[in-house]
N, C-alpha and C. Protein backbone atom coordinates (compact mmCIF):
# COMPACT_ATOMS: atom_id res chain seq x y z
N UNK A 1 -28.50 -35.29 -48.98
CA UNK A 1 -28.43 -34.70 -47.65
C UNK A 1 -26.97 -34.41 -47.26
N UNK A 2 -26.08 -35.38 -47.61
CA UNK A 2 -24.68 -35.17 -47.28
C UNK A 2 -24.14 -33.96 -48.02
N UNK A 3 -24.55 -33.78 -49.29
CA UNK A 3 -24.08 -32.64 -50.08
C UNK A 3 -24.54 -31.33 -49.47
N UNK A 4 -25.83 -31.30 -49.05
CA UNK A 4 -26.36 -30.08 -48.42
C UNK A 4 -25.65 -29.77 -47.11
N UNK A 5 -25.36 -30.82 -46.33
CA UNK A 5 -24.68 -30.62 -45.05
C UNK A 5 -23.27 -30.07 -45.27
N UNK A 6 -22.57 -30.63 -46.30
CA UNK A 6 -21.22 -30.15 -46.60
C UNK A 6 -21.24 -28.71 -47.06
N UNK A 7 -22.23 -28.38 -47.90
CA UNK A 7 -22.34 -27.00 -48.39
C UNK A 7 -22.60 -26.04 -47.25
N UNK A 8 -23.47 -26.45 -46.32
CA UNK A 8 -23.77 -25.60 -45.17
C UNK A 8 -22.52 -25.39 -44.30
N UNK A 9 -21.73 -26.45 -44.14
CA UNK A 9 -20.50 -26.36 -43.33
C UNK A 9 -19.51 -25.40 -43.97
N UNK A 10 -19.36 -25.49 -45.29
CA UNK A 10 -18.43 -24.60 -46.00
C UNK A 10 -18.88 -23.16 -45.92
N UNK A 11 -20.20 -22.93 -46.04
CA UNK A 11 -20.72 -21.56 -45.94
C UNK A 11 -20.49 -21.00 -44.55
N UNK A 12 -20.70 -21.83 -43.52
CA UNK A 12 -20.50 -21.37 -42.14
C UNK A 12 -19.05 -21.04 -41.90
N UNK A 13 -18.15 -21.88 -42.45
CA UNK A 13 -16.72 -21.64 -42.28
C UNK A 13 -16.30 -20.35 -42.96
N UNK A 14 -16.81 -20.12 -44.17
CA UNK A 14 -16.49 -18.90 -44.89
C UNK A 14 -17.01 -17.68 -44.18
N UNK A 15 -18.19 -17.78 -43.58
CA UNK A 15 -18.76 -16.65 -42.85
C UNK A 15 -17.95 -16.33 -41.62
N UNK A 16 -17.46 -17.36 -40.93
CA UNK A 16 -16.66 -17.13 -39.72
C UNK A 16 -15.36 -16.44 -40.07
N UNK A 17 -14.74 -16.87 -41.20
CA UNK A 17 -13.50 -16.23 -41.62
C UNK A 17 -13.73 -14.79 -42.00
N UNK A 18 -14.87 -14.52 -42.64
CA UNK A 18 -15.18 -13.16 -43.05
C UNK A 18 -15.38 -12.25 -41.85
N UNK A 19 -15.87 -12.84 -40.73
CA UNK A 19 -16.14 -12.04 -39.54
C UNK A 19 -14.88 -11.79 -38.72
N UNK A 20 -13.78 -12.50 -39.00
CA UNK A 20 -12.55 -12.27 -38.27
C UNK A 20 -12.05 -10.85 -38.53
N UNK A 21 -11.63 -10.18 -37.46
CA UNK A 21 -11.18 -8.81 -37.65
C UNK A 21 -9.83 -8.78 -38.35
N UNK A 22 -9.59 -7.80 -39.20
CA UNK A 22 -8.31 -7.71 -39.90
C UNK A 22 -7.19 -7.38 -38.92
N UNK A 23 -5.98 -7.82 -39.22
CA UNK A 23 -4.84 -7.53 -38.37
C UNK A 23 -4.35 -6.10 -38.59
N UNK A 24 -3.94 -5.46 -37.49
CA UNK A 24 -3.30 -4.15 -37.62
C UNK A 24 -1.90 -4.38 -38.17
N UNK A 25 -1.53 -3.71 -39.26
CA UNK A 25 -0.19 -3.92 -39.83
C UNK A 25 0.90 -3.63 -38.80
N UNK A 26 1.95 -4.43 -38.81
CA UNK A 26 3.08 -4.19 -37.91
C UNK A 26 3.72 -2.85 -38.25
N UNK A 27 4.12 -2.13 -37.22
CA UNK A 27 4.73 -0.82 -37.41
C UNK A 27 5.94 -0.92 -38.32
N UNK A 28 5.99 -0.06 -39.32
CA UNK A 28 7.06 -0.14 -40.32
C UNK A 28 8.29 0.66 -39.88
N UNK A 29 9.41 0.39 -40.52
CA UNK A 29 10.63 1.15 -40.26
C UNK A 29 10.42 2.63 -40.57
N UNK A 30 9.64 2.92 -41.62
CA UNK A 30 9.39 4.31 -41.99
C UNK A 30 8.60 5.03 -40.89
N UNK A 31 7.66 4.34 -40.26
CA UNK A 31 6.90 4.96 -39.17
C UNK A 31 7.81 5.28 -37.99
N UNK A 32 8.74 4.37 -37.70
CA UNK A 32 9.68 4.63 -36.62
C UNK A 32 10.58 5.80 -36.98
N UNK A 33 11.09 5.83 -38.19
CA UNK A 33 11.96 6.92 -38.63
C UNK A 33 11.26 8.26 -38.50
N UNK A 34 9.96 8.29 -38.72
CA UNK A 34 9.20 9.54 -38.65
C UNK A 34 9.14 10.11 -37.24
N UNK A 35 9.40 9.28 -36.22
CA UNK A 35 9.37 9.75 -34.83
C UNK A 35 10.75 10.23 -34.36
N UNK A 36 11.78 10.07 -35.18
CA UNK A 36 13.15 10.32 -34.76
C UNK A 36 13.65 11.69 -35.19
N UNK A 37 14.66 12.17 -34.46
CA UNK A 37 15.29 13.44 -34.78
C UNK A 37 16.50 13.21 -35.68
N UNK A 38 16.98 14.28 -36.28
CA UNK A 38 18.17 14.18 -37.14
C UNK A 38 19.36 13.66 -36.33
N UNK A 39 20.10 12.74 -36.90
CA UNK A 39 21.28 12.20 -36.25
C UNK A 39 21.00 10.99 -35.38
N UNK A 40 19.74 10.63 -35.18
CA UNK A 40 19.41 9.47 -34.36
C UNK A 40 19.32 8.22 -35.24
N UNK A 41 19.56 7.07 -34.62
CA UNK A 41 19.45 5.81 -35.34
C UNK A 41 18.84 4.75 -34.43
N UNK A 42 18.24 3.75 -35.04
CA UNK A 42 17.62 2.66 -34.29
C UNK A 42 18.71 1.68 -33.87
N UNK A 43 18.81 1.44 -32.57
CA UNK A 43 19.79 0.48 -32.04
C UNK A 43 19.26 -0.94 -32.14
N UNK A 44 17.97 -1.11 -31.84
CA UNK A 44 17.36 -2.43 -31.88
C UNK A 44 15.85 -2.26 -31.85
N UNK A 45 15.12 -3.27 -32.30
CA UNK A 45 13.66 -3.25 -32.23
C UNK A 45 13.14 -4.67 -32.08
N UNK A 46 11.91 -4.77 -31.56
CA UNK A 46 11.28 -6.08 -31.42
C UNK A 46 9.77 -5.88 -31.50
N UNK A 47 9.09 -6.86 -32.05
CA UNK A 47 7.62 -6.83 -32.15
C UNK A 47 7.02 -7.91 -31.26
N UNK A 48 5.83 -7.64 -30.73
CA UNK A 48 5.14 -8.62 -29.90
C UNK A 48 3.85 -8.05 -29.36
N UNK A 49 3.01 -8.92 -28.85
CA UNK A 49 1.75 -8.48 -28.25
C UNK A 49 2.00 -8.20 -26.77
N UNK A 50 2.22 -6.93 -26.43
CA UNK A 50 2.60 -6.57 -25.07
C UNK A 50 1.40 -6.39 -24.13
N UNK A 51 0.22 -6.17 -24.67
CA UNK A 51 -0.95 -5.89 -23.82
C UNK A 51 -2.06 -6.93 -23.95
N UNK A 52 -1.80 -8.03 -24.63
CA UNK A 52 -2.74 -9.14 -24.67
C UNK A 52 -3.99 -8.92 -25.48
N UNK A 53 -3.97 -7.98 -26.44
CA UNK A 53 -5.18 -7.73 -27.23
C UNK A 53 -5.16 -8.47 -28.57
N UNK A 54 -4.11 -9.25 -28.82
CA UNK A 54 -4.05 -10.02 -30.06
C UNK A 54 -3.37 -9.31 -31.21
N UNK A 55 -3.08 -8.02 -31.07
CA UNK A 55 -2.40 -7.27 -32.12
C UNK A 55 -0.92 -7.11 -31.77
N UNK A 56 -0.11 -6.89 -32.80
CA UNK A 56 1.34 -6.84 -32.62
C UNK A 56 1.80 -5.40 -32.37
N UNK A 57 2.43 -5.20 -31.22
CA UNK A 57 2.98 -3.91 -30.82
C UNK A 57 4.48 -3.88 -31.15
N UNK A 58 5.09 -2.72 -30.99
CA UNK A 58 6.50 -2.57 -31.36
C UNK A 58 7.26 -1.79 -30.29
N UNK A 59 8.46 -2.28 -29.97
CA UNK A 59 9.38 -1.57 -29.07
C UNK A 59 10.70 -1.37 -29.82
N UNK A 60 11.32 -0.21 -29.59
CA UNK A 60 12.61 0.04 -30.22
C UNK A 60 13.43 0.99 -29.35
N UNK A 61 14.73 0.95 -29.56
CA UNK A 61 15.65 1.85 -28.86
C UNK A 61 16.28 2.77 -29.89
N UNK A 62 16.21 4.08 -29.59
CA UNK A 62 16.81 5.09 -30.45
C UNK A 62 18.05 5.65 -29.77
N UNK A 63 19.12 5.78 -30.52
CA UNK A 63 20.37 6.30 -29.98
C UNK A 63 20.82 7.52 -30.77
N UNK A 64 21.12 8.59 -30.03
CA UNK A 64 21.66 9.80 -30.63
C UNK A 64 23.10 9.99 -30.20
N UNK A 65 23.65 11.18 -30.43
CA UNK A 65 25.05 11.44 -30.09
C UNK A 65 25.29 11.32 -28.59
N UNK A 66 24.38 11.87 -27.78
CA UNK A 66 24.53 11.79 -26.33
C UNK A 66 23.20 11.48 -25.65
N UNK A 67 22.36 10.72 -26.33
CA UNK A 67 21.06 10.34 -25.77
C UNK A 67 20.68 8.96 -26.26
N UNK A 68 19.81 8.33 -25.50
CA UNK A 68 19.39 6.97 -25.85
C UNK A 68 18.08 6.70 -25.12
N UNK A 69 17.10 6.16 -25.81
CA UNK A 69 15.79 5.97 -25.18
C UNK A 69 15.06 4.77 -25.76
N UNK A 70 14.28 4.15 -24.90
CA UNK A 70 13.41 3.03 -25.27
C UNK A 70 12.01 3.58 -25.52
N UNK A 71 11.38 3.13 -26.61
CA UNK A 71 10.04 3.59 -26.96
C UNK A 71 9.14 2.38 -27.28
N UNK A 72 7.86 2.52 -26.99
CA UNK A 72 6.88 1.48 -27.33
C UNK A 72 5.65 2.15 -27.93
N UNK A 73 5.13 1.54 -28.99
CA UNK A 73 3.82 1.95 -29.51
C UNK A 73 2.95 0.71 -29.65
N UNK A 74 1.68 0.88 -29.27
CA UNK A 74 0.70 -0.20 -29.38
C UNK A 74 -0.02 -0.13 -30.72
N UNK A 75 -0.37 -1.30 -31.25
CA UNK A 75 -1.31 -1.36 -32.37
C UNK A 75 -2.68 -0.98 -31.82
N UNK A 76 -3.41 -0.13 -32.54
CA UNK A 76 -4.70 0.37 -32.04
C UNK A 76 -5.72 0.40 -33.16
N UNK A 77 -6.99 0.45 -32.76
CA UNK A 77 -8.10 0.44 -33.72
C UNK A 77 -9.08 1.56 -33.38
N UNK A 78 -9.43 2.34 -34.39
CA UNK A 78 -10.49 3.31 -34.25
C UNK A 78 -11.77 2.74 -34.84
N UNK A 79 -12.79 3.56 -34.92
CA UNK A 79 -14.05 3.08 -35.48
C UNK A 79 -13.91 2.75 -36.96
N UNK A 80 -13.06 3.50 -37.66
CA UNK A 80 -12.92 3.29 -39.10
C UNK A 80 -11.48 3.06 -39.56
N UNK A 81 -10.53 3.06 -38.61
CA UNK A 81 -9.14 2.93 -39.05
C UNK A 81 -8.31 2.15 -38.04
N UNK A 82 -7.09 1.82 -38.45
CA UNK A 82 -6.12 1.15 -37.60
C UNK A 82 -4.85 1.99 -37.58
N UNK A 83 -4.19 2.03 -36.44
CA UNK A 83 -3.04 2.92 -36.31
C UNK A 83 -2.15 2.44 -35.16
N UNK A 84 -1.12 3.22 -34.84
CA UNK A 84 -0.23 2.93 -33.70
C UNK A 84 -0.19 4.14 -32.79
N UNK A 85 -0.18 3.88 -31.48
CA UNK A 85 -0.19 4.98 -30.52
C UNK A 85 0.90 4.79 -29.47
N UNK A 86 1.52 5.90 -29.02
CA UNK A 86 2.59 5.81 -28.01
C UNK A 86 2.08 5.17 -26.73
N UNK A 87 2.90 4.26 -26.15
CA UNK A 87 2.52 3.57 -24.92
C UNK A 87 3.57 3.71 -23.83
N UNK A 88 4.65 4.45 -24.11
CA UNK A 88 5.66 4.67 -23.09
C UNK A 88 7.05 4.88 -23.67
N UNK A 89 7.87 5.59 -22.90
CA UNK A 89 9.26 5.82 -23.25
C UNK A 89 10.09 5.85 -21.97
N UNK A 90 11.35 5.48 -22.06
CA UNK A 90 12.25 5.53 -20.91
C UNK A 90 13.65 5.88 -21.39
N UNK A 91 14.29 6.82 -20.70
CA UNK A 91 15.67 7.17 -21.02
C UNK A 91 16.61 6.05 -20.56
N UNK A 92 17.61 5.77 -21.36
CA UNK A 92 18.63 4.78 -21.04
C UNK A 92 20.00 5.44 -21.02
N UNK A 93 20.97 4.75 -20.42
CA UNK A 93 22.34 5.26 -20.42
C UNK A 93 22.78 5.48 -21.87
N UNK A 94 23.26 6.69 -22.20
CA UNK A 94 23.60 6.98 -23.60
C UNK A 94 24.85 6.29 -24.12
N UNK A 95 25.63 5.66 -23.22
CA UNK A 95 26.89 5.06 -23.66
C UNK A 95 26.98 3.60 -23.21
N UNK A 96 26.23 2.71 -23.87
CA UNK A 96 26.25 1.29 -23.50
C UNK A 96 27.53 0.61 -23.98
N UNK A 97 27.77 -0.58 -23.46
CA UNK A 97 28.92 -1.38 -23.90
C UNK A 97 28.59 -2.21 -25.14
N UNK A 98 27.40 -2.04 -25.65
CA UNK A 98 26.94 -2.74 -26.84
C UNK A 98 25.45 -2.55 -26.98
N UNK A 99 24.87 -2.94 -28.10
CA UNK A 99 23.43 -2.80 -28.28
C UNK A 99 22.67 -3.60 -27.23
N UNK A 100 21.58 -3.04 -26.74
CA UNK A 100 20.73 -3.74 -25.78
C UNK A 100 20.07 -4.94 -26.45
N UNK A 101 19.84 -5.98 -25.66
CA UNK A 101 19.13 -7.17 -26.14
C UNK A 101 17.65 -7.00 -25.82
N UNK A 102 16.78 -7.18 -26.80
CA UNK A 102 15.34 -7.03 -26.61
C UNK A 102 14.64 -8.31 -27.04
N UNK A 103 13.83 -8.87 -26.15
CA UNK A 103 13.08 -10.08 -26.46
C UNK A 103 11.67 -9.95 -25.89
N UNK A 104 10.81 -10.85 -26.32
CA UNK A 104 9.44 -10.92 -25.79
C UNK A 104 9.22 -12.32 -25.26
N UNK A 105 8.85 -12.44 -23.99
CA UNK A 105 8.62 -13.73 -23.36
C UNK A 105 7.25 -13.74 -22.70
N UNK A 106 6.33 -14.52 -23.24
CA UNK A 106 4.98 -14.64 -22.71
C UNK A 106 4.30 -13.27 -22.58
N UNK A 107 4.49 -12.44 -23.60
CA UNK A 107 3.86 -11.13 -23.63
C UNK A 107 4.59 -10.06 -22.84
N UNK A 108 5.73 -10.40 -22.25
CA UNK A 108 6.51 -9.45 -21.47
C UNK A 108 7.70 -8.98 -22.30
N UNK A 109 7.88 -7.66 -22.38
CA UNK A 109 9.04 -7.10 -23.06
C UNK A 109 10.22 -7.13 -22.10
N UNK A 110 11.30 -7.79 -22.52
CA UNK A 110 12.51 -7.92 -21.70
C UNK A 110 13.64 -7.16 -22.39
N UNK A 111 14.23 -6.20 -21.67
CA UNK A 111 15.33 -5.40 -22.20
C UNK A 111 16.55 -5.62 -21.33
N UNK A 112 17.64 -6.13 -21.93
CA UNK A 112 18.89 -6.36 -21.19
C UNK A 112 19.93 -5.37 -21.70
N UNK A 113 20.50 -4.60 -20.75
CA UNK A 113 21.40 -3.52 -21.11
C UNK A 113 22.68 -3.62 -20.29
N UNK A 114 23.81 -3.41 -20.94
CA UNK A 114 25.11 -3.46 -20.27
C UNK A 114 25.80 -2.12 -20.46
N UNK A 115 26.14 -1.46 -19.34
CA UNK A 115 26.74 -0.14 -19.39
C UNK A 115 27.94 -0.07 -18.46
N UNK A 116 28.68 1.06 -18.52
CA UNK A 116 29.83 1.25 -17.66
C UNK A 116 31.12 1.07 -18.41
N UNK A 117 32.16 0.59 -17.68
CA UNK A 117 33.47 0.34 -18.28
C UNK A 117 34.02 -0.95 -17.73
N UNK A 118 35.22 -0.89 -17.12
CA UNK A 118 35.73 -2.09 -16.46
C UNK A 118 34.84 -2.45 -15.27
N UNK A 119 34.25 -1.43 -14.64
CA UNK A 119 33.18 -1.66 -13.68
C UNK A 119 31.87 -1.52 -14.45
N UNK A 120 31.13 -2.59 -14.56
CA UNK A 120 29.95 -2.62 -15.43
C UNK A 120 28.67 -2.80 -14.63
N UNK A 121 27.59 -2.31 -15.21
CA UNK A 121 26.25 -2.52 -14.68
C UNK A 121 25.44 -3.30 -15.72
N UNK A 122 25.01 -4.48 -15.34
CA UNK A 122 24.13 -5.28 -16.20
C UNK A 122 22.71 -5.14 -15.65
N UNK A 123 21.80 -4.64 -16.47
CA UNK A 123 20.42 -4.41 -16.02
C UNK A 123 19.44 -5.13 -16.92
N UNK A 124 18.43 -5.73 -16.31
CA UNK A 124 17.37 -6.39 -17.07
C UNK A 124 16.04 -5.77 -16.63
N UNK A 125 15.34 -5.16 -17.59
CA UNK A 125 14.05 -4.53 -17.33
C UNK A 125 12.95 -5.39 -17.94
N UNK A 126 11.84 -5.54 -17.20
CA UNK A 126 10.69 -6.28 -17.71
C UNK A 126 9.47 -5.38 -17.69
N UNK A 127 8.79 -5.29 -18.83
CA UNK A 127 7.63 -4.43 -18.97
C UNK A 127 6.45 -5.24 -19.52
N UNK A 128 5.25 -4.86 -19.07
CA UNK A 128 4.03 -5.47 -19.61
C UNK A 128 3.02 -4.37 -19.87
N UNK A 129 2.26 -4.50 -20.95
CA UNK A 129 1.30 -3.47 -21.32
C UNK A 129 0.00 -3.57 -20.52
N UNK A 130 -0.59 -2.41 -20.24
CA UNK A 130 -1.91 -2.35 -19.62
C UNK A 130 -2.97 -2.61 -20.68
N UNK A 131 -4.03 -3.29 -20.31
CA UNK A 131 -5.08 -3.62 -21.27
C UNK A 131 -6.09 -2.48 -21.46
N UNK A 132 -6.27 -1.67 -20.43
CA UNK A 132 -7.32 -0.66 -20.48
C UNK A 132 -6.81 0.71 -20.92
N UNK A 133 -5.49 0.89 -21.05
CA UNK A 133 -4.95 2.16 -21.48
C UNK A 133 -3.59 1.93 -22.13
N UNK A 134 -3.16 2.84 -23.01
CA UNK A 134 -1.88 2.66 -23.70
C UNK A 134 -0.70 2.99 -22.80
N UNK A 135 -0.39 2.07 -21.90
CA UNK A 135 0.70 2.27 -20.95
C UNK A 135 1.50 0.97 -20.80
N UNK A 136 2.82 1.11 -20.74
CA UNK A 136 3.70 -0.01 -20.42
C UNK A 136 4.11 0.12 -18.96
N UNK A 137 3.97 -0.97 -18.21
CA UNK A 137 4.27 -0.95 -16.78
C UNK A 137 5.51 -1.78 -16.48
N UNK A 138 6.41 -1.22 -15.67
CA UNK A 138 7.58 -1.95 -15.21
C UNK A 138 7.14 -3.00 -14.21
N UNK A 139 7.46 -4.26 -14.46
CA UNK A 139 7.06 -5.33 -13.53
C UNK A 139 8.26 -6.02 -12.89
N UNK A 140 9.46 -5.74 -13.38
CA UNK A 140 10.64 -6.36 -12.78
C UNK A 140 11.91 -5.65 -13.19
N UNK A 141 12.88 -5.62 -12.27
CA UNK A 141 14.18 -5.02 -12.56
C UNK A 141 15.27 -5.80 -11.83
N UNK A 142 16.21 -6.33 -12.60
CA UNK A 142 17.39 -6.99 -12.05
C UNK A 142 18.61 -6.15 -12.41
N UNK A 143 19.56 -6.07 -11.49
CA UNK A 143 20.77 -5.30 -11.76
C UNK A 143 21.96 -5.94 -11.08
N UNK A 144 23.09 -5.93 -11.77
CA UNK A 144 24.34 -6.47 -11.23
C UNK A 144 25.47 -5.49 -11.49
N UNK A 145 26.22 -5.16 -10.44
CA UNK A 145 27.43 -4.36 -10.57
C UNK A 145 28.62 -5.28 -10.34
N UNK A 146 29.57 -5.28 -11.25
CA UNK A 146 30.70 -6.18 -11.12
C UNK A 146 31.91 -5.61 -11.86
N UNK A 147 33.08 -6.15 -11.54
CA UNK A 147 34.29 -5.76 -12.23
C UNK A 147 34.56 -6.76 -13.35
N UNK A 148 34.71 -6.26 -14.54
CA UNK A 148 34.99 -7.13 -15.68
C UNK A 148 36.41 -7.69 -15.63
N UNK A 149 37.24 -7.10 -14.76
CA UNK A 149 38.61 -7.58 -14.59
C UNK A 149 38.82 -8.18 -13.20
N UNK A 150 37.72 -8.42 -12.48
CA UNK A 150 37.78 -8.94 -11.11
C UNK A 150 38.72 -8.10 -10.23
N UNK A 151 38.48 -6.78 -10.24
CA UNK A 151 39.32 -5.87 -9.46
C UNK A 151 38.70 -5.50 -8.11
N UNK A 152 37.41 -5.79 -7.92
CA UNK A 152 36.75 -5.40 -6.68
C UNK A 152 35.48 -6.23 -6.47
N UNK A 153 34.86 -6.05 -5.30
CA UNK A 153 33.61 -6.74 -4.98
C UNK A 153 32.48 -6.23 -5.87
N UNK A 154 31.38 -6.96 -5.87
CA UNK A 154 30.22 -6.55 -6.66
C UNK A 154 28.94 -6.70 -5.87
N UNK A 155 27.83 -6.50 -6.54
CA UNK A 155 26.52 -6.60 -5.89
C UNK A 155 25.47 -6.89 -6.95
N UNK A 156 24.40 -7.55 -6.54
CA UNK A 156 23.30 -7.78 -7.47
C UNK A 156 21.96 -7.73 -6.75
N UNK A 157 20.94 -7.44 -7.53
CA UNK A 157 19.60 -7.26 -6.98
C UNK A 157 18.57 -7.81 -7.97
N UNK A 158 17.51 -8.40 -7.43
CA UNK A 158 16.36 -8.80 -8.23
C UNK A 158 15.12 -8.24 -7.54
N UNK A 159 14.36 -7.43 -8.27
CA UNK A 159 13.20 -6.73 -7.71
C UNK A 159 11.95 -7.10 -8.49
N UNK A 160 11.01 -7.77 -7.82
CA UNK A 160 9.70 -8.03 -8.40
C UNK A 160 8.83 -6.82 -8.08
N UNK A 161 8.63 -5.96 -9.05
CA UNK A 161 7.94 -4.69 -8.81
C UNK A 161 6.47 -4.92 -8.48
N UNK A 162 5.88 -6.00 -8.98
CA UNK A 162 4.46 -6.26 -8.73
C UNK A 162 4.20 -6.68 -7.28
N UNK A 163 5.12 -7.41 -6.68
CA UNK A 163 4.93 -7.87 -5.30
C UNK A 163 5.74 -7.08 -4.29
N UNK A 164 6.74 -6.34 -4.76
CA UNK A 164 7.61 -5.60 -3.86
C UNK A 164 8.77 -6.41 -3.33
N UNK A 165 8.87 -7.69 -3.67
CA UNK A 165 9.93 -8.54 -3.15
C UNK A 165 11.29 -8.19 -3.77
N UNK A 166 12.29 -8.04 -2.91
CA UNK A 166 13.64 -7.72 -3.35
C UNK A 166 14.62 -8.74 -2.78
N UNK A 167 15.51 -9.22 -3.63
CA UNK A 167 16.63 -10.07 -3.20
C UNK A 167 17.91 -9.31 -3.51
N UNK A 168 18.69 -8.99 -2.46
CA UNK A 168 19.93 -8.25 -2.62
C UNK A 168 21.10 -9.13 -2.20
N UNK A 169 22.13 -9.18 -3.01
CA UNK A 169 23.26 -10.08 -2.78
C UNK A 169 24.59 -9.34 -2.87
N UNK A 170 25.40 -9.48 -1.83
CA UNK A 170 26.77 -8.97 -1.89
C UNK A 170 27.64 -10.00 -2.59
N UNK A 171 28.43 -9.55 -3.55
CA UNK A 171 29.30 -10.44 -4.31
C UNK A 171 30.74 -10.21 -3.86
N UNK A 172 31.24 -11.09 -3.00
CA UNK A 172 32.58 -10.95 -2.45
C UNK A 172 33.61 -11.55 -3.40
N UNK A 173 34.62 -10.74 -3.75
CA UNK A 173 35.67 -11.22 -4.65
C UNK A 173 36.55 -12.23 -3.92
N UNK A 174 36.71 -13.38 -4.52
CA UNK A 174 37.59 -14.41 -3.95
C UNK A 174 38.56 -14.88 -5.02
N UNK A 175 39.74 -15.28 -4.59
CA UNK A 175 40.75 -15.74 -5.53
C UNK A 175 41.36 -14.58 -6.30
N UNK A 176 42.21 -14.89 -7.22
CA UNK A 176 42.87 -13.88 -8.04
C UNK A 176 43.29 -14.49 -9.36
N UNK A 177 43.59 -13.61 -10.30
CA UNK A 177 44.03 -14.07 -11.62
C UNK A 177 42.99 -14.95 -12.29
N UNK A 178 43.41 -16.06 -12.85
CA UNK A 178 42.50 -16.97 -13.54
C UNK A 178 41.53 -17.64 -12.57
N UNK A 179 41.83 -17.63 -11.28
CA UNK A 179 40.98 -18.27 -10.28
C UNK A 179 40.02 -17.29 -9.60
N UNK A 180 40.00 -16.03 -10.06
CA UNK A 180 39.12 -15.04 -9.44
C UNK A 180 37.66 -15.38 -9.70
N UNK A 181 36.84 -15.12 -8.69
CA UNK A 181 35.41 -15.41 -8.81
C UNK A 181 34.67 -14.59 -7.77
N UNK A 182 33.34 -14.68 -7.79
CA UNK A 182 32.52 -13.97 -6.82
C UNK A 182 31.77 -14.96 -5.92
N UNK A 183 31.84 -14.71 -4.61
CA UNK A 183 31.07 -15.49 -3.64
C UNK A 183 29.76 -14.75 -3.41
N UNK A 184 28.61 -15.42 -3.70
CA UNK A 184 27.30 -14.79 -3.59
C UNK A 184 26.49 -15.33 -2.41
N UNK A 185 27.18 -15.66 -1.33
CA UNK A 185 26.49 -16.27 -0.19
C UNK A 185 25.79 -15.25 0.72
N UNK A 186 26.18 -13.97 0.64
CA UNK A 186 25.59 -12.95 1.52
C UNK A 186 24.32 -12.40 0.87
N UNK A 187 23.18 -12.98 1.22
CA UNK A 187 21.90 -12.64 0.60
C UNK A 187 20.93 -12.12 1.65
N UNK A 188 20.21 -11.06 1.31
CA UNK A 188 19.14 -10.59 2.19
C UNK A 188 17.89 -10.33 1.35
N UNK A 189 16.75 -10.52 1.99
CA UNK A 189 15.46 -10.34 1.32
C UNK A 189 14.62 -9.34 2.10
N UNK A 190 13.91 -8.50 1.37
CA UNK A 190 13.00 -7.55 2.02
C UNK A 190 11.95 -7.12 1.00
N UNK A 191 11.01 -6.31 1.45
CA UNK A 191 9.93 -5.84 0.58
C UNK A 191 9.97 -4.32 0.44
N UNK A 192 9.68 -3.87 -0.75
CA UNK A 192 9.46 -2.45 -1.00
C UNK A 192 7.96 -2.20 -1.10
N UNK A 193 7.52 -0.98 -0.80
CA UNK A 193 6.11 -0.66 -1.00
C UNK A 193 5.71 -0.88 -2.47
N UNK A 194 4.54 -1.43 -2.68
CA UNK A 194 4.08 -1.71 -4.04
C UNK A 194 3.38 -0.48 -4.61
N UNK A 195 3.79 -0.09 -5.80
CA UNK A 195 3.16 1.01 -6.54
C UNK A 195 3.37 0.76 -8.02
N UNK A 196 2.60 1.46 -8.82
CA UNK A 196 2.72 1.31 -10.27
C UNK A 196 3.87 2.16 -10.79
N UNK A 197 4.82 1.51 -11.46
CA UNK A 197 5.89 2.21 -12.15
C UNK A 197 5.66 2.04 -13.65
N UNK A 198 5.26 3.10 -14.31
CA UNK A 198 5.10 3.03 -15.75
C UNK A 198 6.45 3.27 -16.42
N UNK A 199 6.53 3.03 -17.70
CA UNK A 199 7.81 3.09 -18.40
C UNK A 199 8.52 4.42 -18.15
N UNK A 200 7.75 5.52 -18.12
CA UNK A 200 8.34 6.83 -17.87
C UNK A 200 8.94 6.94 -16.47
N UNK A 201 8.47 6.10 -15.55
CA UNK A 201 8.94 6.13 -14.16
C UNK A 201 10.11 5.18 -13.91
N UNK A 202 10.61 4.53 -14.94
CA UNK A 202 11.65 3.51 -14.76
C UNK A 202 12.84 4.09 -14.00
N UNK A 203 13.18 3.53 -12.84
CA UNK A 203 14.30 4.08 -12.06
C UNK A 203 15.64 3.69 -12.64
N UNK A 204 16.67 4.47 -12.28
CA UNK A 204 18.03 4.16 -12.70
C UNK A 204 18.48 2.86 -12.05
N UNK A 205 19.02 1.96 -12.83
CA UNK A 205 19.38 0.63 -12.32
C UNK A 205 20.47 0.70 -11.24
N UNK A 206 21.49 1.53 -11.46
CA UNK A 206 22.59 1.61 -10.49
C UNK A 206 22.11 2.21 -9.17
N UNK A 207 21.29 3.27 -9.24
CA UNK A 207 20.78 3.87 -8.02
C UNK A 207 19.86 2.91 -7.27
N UNK A 208 19.05 2.17 -8.01
CA UNK A 208 18.14 1.21 -7.39
C UNK A 208 18.92 0.08 -6.72
N UNK A 209 19.99 -0.37 -7.37
CA UNK A 209 20.85 -1.40 -6.79
C UNK A 209 21.50 -0.89 -5.51
N UNK A 210 21.99 0.35 -5.53
CA UNK A 210 22.63 0.93 -4.34
C UNK A 210 21.65 0.98 -3.17
N UNK A 211 20.41 1.36 -3.45
CA UNK A 211 19.38 1.40 -2.41
C UNK A 211 19.09 0.00 -1.88
N UNK A 212 19.07 -0.98 -2.77
CA UNK A 212 18.78 -2.34 -2.36
C UNK A 212 19.85 -2.88 -1.40
N UNK A 213 21.10 -2.53 -1.67
CA UNK A 213 22.18 -3.00 -0.82
C UNK A 213 22.12 -2.36 0.57
N UNK A 214 21.38 -1.23 0.66
CA UNK A 214 21.17 -0.58 1.95
C UNK A 214 19.85 -1.00 2.59
N UNK A 215 19.15 -1.96 1.94
CA UNK A 215 17.89 -2.44 2.47
C UNK A 215 16.72 -1.53 2.25
N UNK A 216 16.83 -0.68 1.21
CA UNK A 216 15.77 0.28 0.93
C UNK A 216 15.07 -0.06 -0.38
């Protein structure tokens, strides 16, 4: 009886494994290259499950001579095949101060970008995939304007796009030389109207920060 029970358990286990759906292959470098124009190169890429379906999606940034853009494709399944489909794109500043940092945290794509010169804009974009359609939605945007040489005041903003909550902070320059720093005590909070911002609708970080400092 024990032998029969063990055999039945092994058969059941093998059947369950056989019924598991196959994984969609992770998007290859060649597939990404096929979407690019002459003279463009991949600045960075990251893989992760952005829409919670259990399959691995891919995000990458392409940089050309005077253009730069973020792209996402979802792993997808047809009746008889598996493939990747576009889920969103967003233009980025074409002249960053270095490659953007891309990570995945709890299914959220986080893109950190630093642009400008001695006056810099640090922006952090957060995107999450929709489950019912191939779309990436902006769910958060943080931005900071500051002087890398402590030559002037700065400002920062944190915007929860899902709730509309905005925290805007004036950064007052204090001290000088090696003792220069920013005082972030001037903080105001307000709400923006809630609407869906998909990746294509991603607003410019500097313009959004400027509006936030005006309470808009």
